[in-house]
Amino acid sequence: MSVLPPDLPRLRTLVTYLRGELSRTEQALAAAEEREAATAREQPAPERPAWLVERGIGVGRLPVRVHTGDCWDTGKRCVPAAPGQVRRLLAEGVTACIHCRPDTALGVLE
């Protein structure tokens, strides 16, 4: 059993009412999306880490290279690191990036 009226005039009235409600709902949605986008634009970008450790591929994902945070030669396998961790990795023989030279920036030369 349907809750809709059976006659044509009341059905047309209902359709007109629902179209108006849909229009108001779409306008409210657009306004809410614009507010959310404006809020996202106002937030500052996250601060880049000062040091990065590039992990290898596969099980264990051992460190393979270290970078400064602004190096252009980093990939998706880089994770933020503390200066002490980068110094320790360099001392253990992990390669320093030849482009950004984190070993020179930290005063640790090979």
Protein backbone atom coordinates (compact mmCIF):
# COMPACT_ATOMS: atom_id res chain seq x y z
CA MET A 1 0.00 0.00 0.00
CA SER A 2 1.42 3.38 -1.05
CA VAL A 3 1.42 6.50 1.13
CA LEU A 4 1.19 8.69 -1.98
CA PRO A 5 -2.15 10.22 -2.94
CA PRO A 6 -3.92 8.49 -5.83
CA ASP A 7 -5.19 11.58 -7.67
CA LEU A 8 -3.26 13.61 -10.22
CA PRO A 9 -3.60 17.15 -8.71
CA ARG A 10 -2.21 16.12 -5.32
CA LEU A 11 0.63 14.14 -6.94
CA ARG A 12 1.60 17.21 -9.00
CA THR A 13 1.53 19.35 -5.86
CA LEU A 14 3.74 16.85 -4.07
CA VAL A 15 6.24 16.77 -6.97
CA THR A 16 6.41 20.58 -6.99
CA TYR A 17 7.02 20.65 -3.24
CA LEU A 18 9.73 17.96 -3.41
CA ARG A 19 11.52 19.72 -6.29
CA GLY A 20 11.66 22.87 -4.15
CA GLU A 21 13.01 20.91 -1.18
CA LEU A 22 15.60 19.24 -3.41
CA SER A 23 16.72 22.63 -4.74
CA ARG A 24 17.09 24.05 -1.21
CA THR A 25 18.96 20.93 -0.11
CA GLU A 26 21.37 21.15 -3.06
CA GLN A 27 22.02 24.83 -2.26
CA ALA A 28 22.73 23.98 1.38
CA LEU A 29 25.08 21.20 0.27
CA ALA A 30 26.97 23.54 -2.07
CA ALA A 31 27.33 26.13 0.71
CA ALA A 32 28.61 23.49 3.16
CA GLU A 33 31.14 22.20 0.60
CA GLU A 34 32.37 25.76 -0.04
CA ARG A 35 32.79 26.38 3.72
CA GLU A 36 34.76 23.15 4.05
CA ALA A 37 36.97 24.04 1.07
CA ALA A 38 37.60 27.53 2.51
CA THR A 39 38.57 26.01 5.86
CA ALA A 40 40.98 23.62 4.13
CA ARG A 41 42.57 26.52 2.21
CA GLU A 42 43.05 28.51 5.42
CA GLN A 43 44.96 25.75 7.19
CA PRO A 44 48.72 25.97 6.69
CA ALA A 45 50.44 23.15 4.90
CA PRO A 46 52.07 20.64 7.23
CA GLU A 47 55.66 21.47 7.99
CA ARG A 48 58.17 19.39 6.08
CA PRO A 49 60.46 17.23 8.19
CA ALA A 50 64.10 18.30 8.39
CA TRP A 51 65.42 14.78 7.74
CA LEU A 52 64.14 11.76 5.83
CA VAL A 53 65.08 8.09 5.79
CA GLU A 54 64.40 6.19 2.58
CA ARG A 55 63.38 2.60 3.20
CA GLY A 56 64.06 -0.31 0.89
CA ILE A 57 61.55 -2.59 -0.77
CA GLY A 58 60.33 -5.84 0.75
CA VAL A 59 60.13 -7.48 4.13
CA GLY A 60 61.92 -5.55 6.85
CA ARG A 61 62.25 -2.40 4.70
CA LEU A 62 65.73 -1.50 5.93
CA PRO A 63 67.05 2.05 5.48
CA VAL A 64 68.90 2.51 2.19
CA ARG A 65 69.51 6.30 2.01
CA VAL A 66 69.11 9.42 4.12
CA HIS A 67 68.00 12.84 2.83
CA THR A 68 67.42 16.37 4.01
CA GLY A 69 63.76 17.32 4.18
CA ASP A 70 63.89 19.54 1.11
CA CYS A 71 65.62 17.03 -1.19
CA TRP A 72 64.08 16.66 -4.63
CA ASP A 73 65.23 13.04 -4.99
CA THR A 74 62.92 11.45 -2.42
CA GLY A 75 60.22 8.91 -3.10
CA LYS A 76 57.19 7.35 -1.49
CA ARG A 77 59.30 5.15 0.77
CA CYS A 78 60.70 8.07 2.81
CA VAL A 79 59.77 8.58 6.46
CA PRO A 80 60.62 11.50 8.78
CA ALA A 81 63.63 11.05 11.06
CA ALA A 82 65.35 12.85 13.92
CA PRO A 83 68.86 14.26 13.46
CA GLY A 84 70.28 11.74 15.92
CA GLN A 85 68.74 8.87 14.00
CA VAL A 86 70.20 10.17 10.73
CA ARG A 87 73.66 10.50 12.32
CA ARG A 88 73.43 6.95 13.67
CA LEU A 89 72.37 5.57 10.28
CA LEU A 90 75.22 7.39 8.54
CA ALA A 91 77.67 5.97 11.10
CA GLU A 92 76.27 2.49 10.43
CA GLY A 93 77.01 2.86 6.72
CA VAL A 94 73.66 3.89 5.26
CA THR A 95 74.29 5.94 2.12
CA ALA A 96 73.81 9.70 2.15
CA CYS A 97 71.93 11.18 -0.80
CA ILE A 98 74.43 12.59 -3.31
CA HIS A 99 72.12 15.49 -4.18
CA CYS A 100 71.17 16.99 -0.81
CA ARG A 101 74.23 15.76 1.17
CA PRO A 102 72.69 15.28 4.65
CA ASP A 103 76.06 14.12 5.95
CA THR A 104 77.56 17.53 5.16
CA ALA A 105 74.56 19.37 6.62
CA LEU A 106 74.93 17.43 9.89
CA GLY A 107 78.70 17.73 9.97
CA VAL A 108 79.17 13.97 9.56
CA LEU A 109 81.51 13.23 6.71
CA GLU A 110 82.15 9.77 5.35
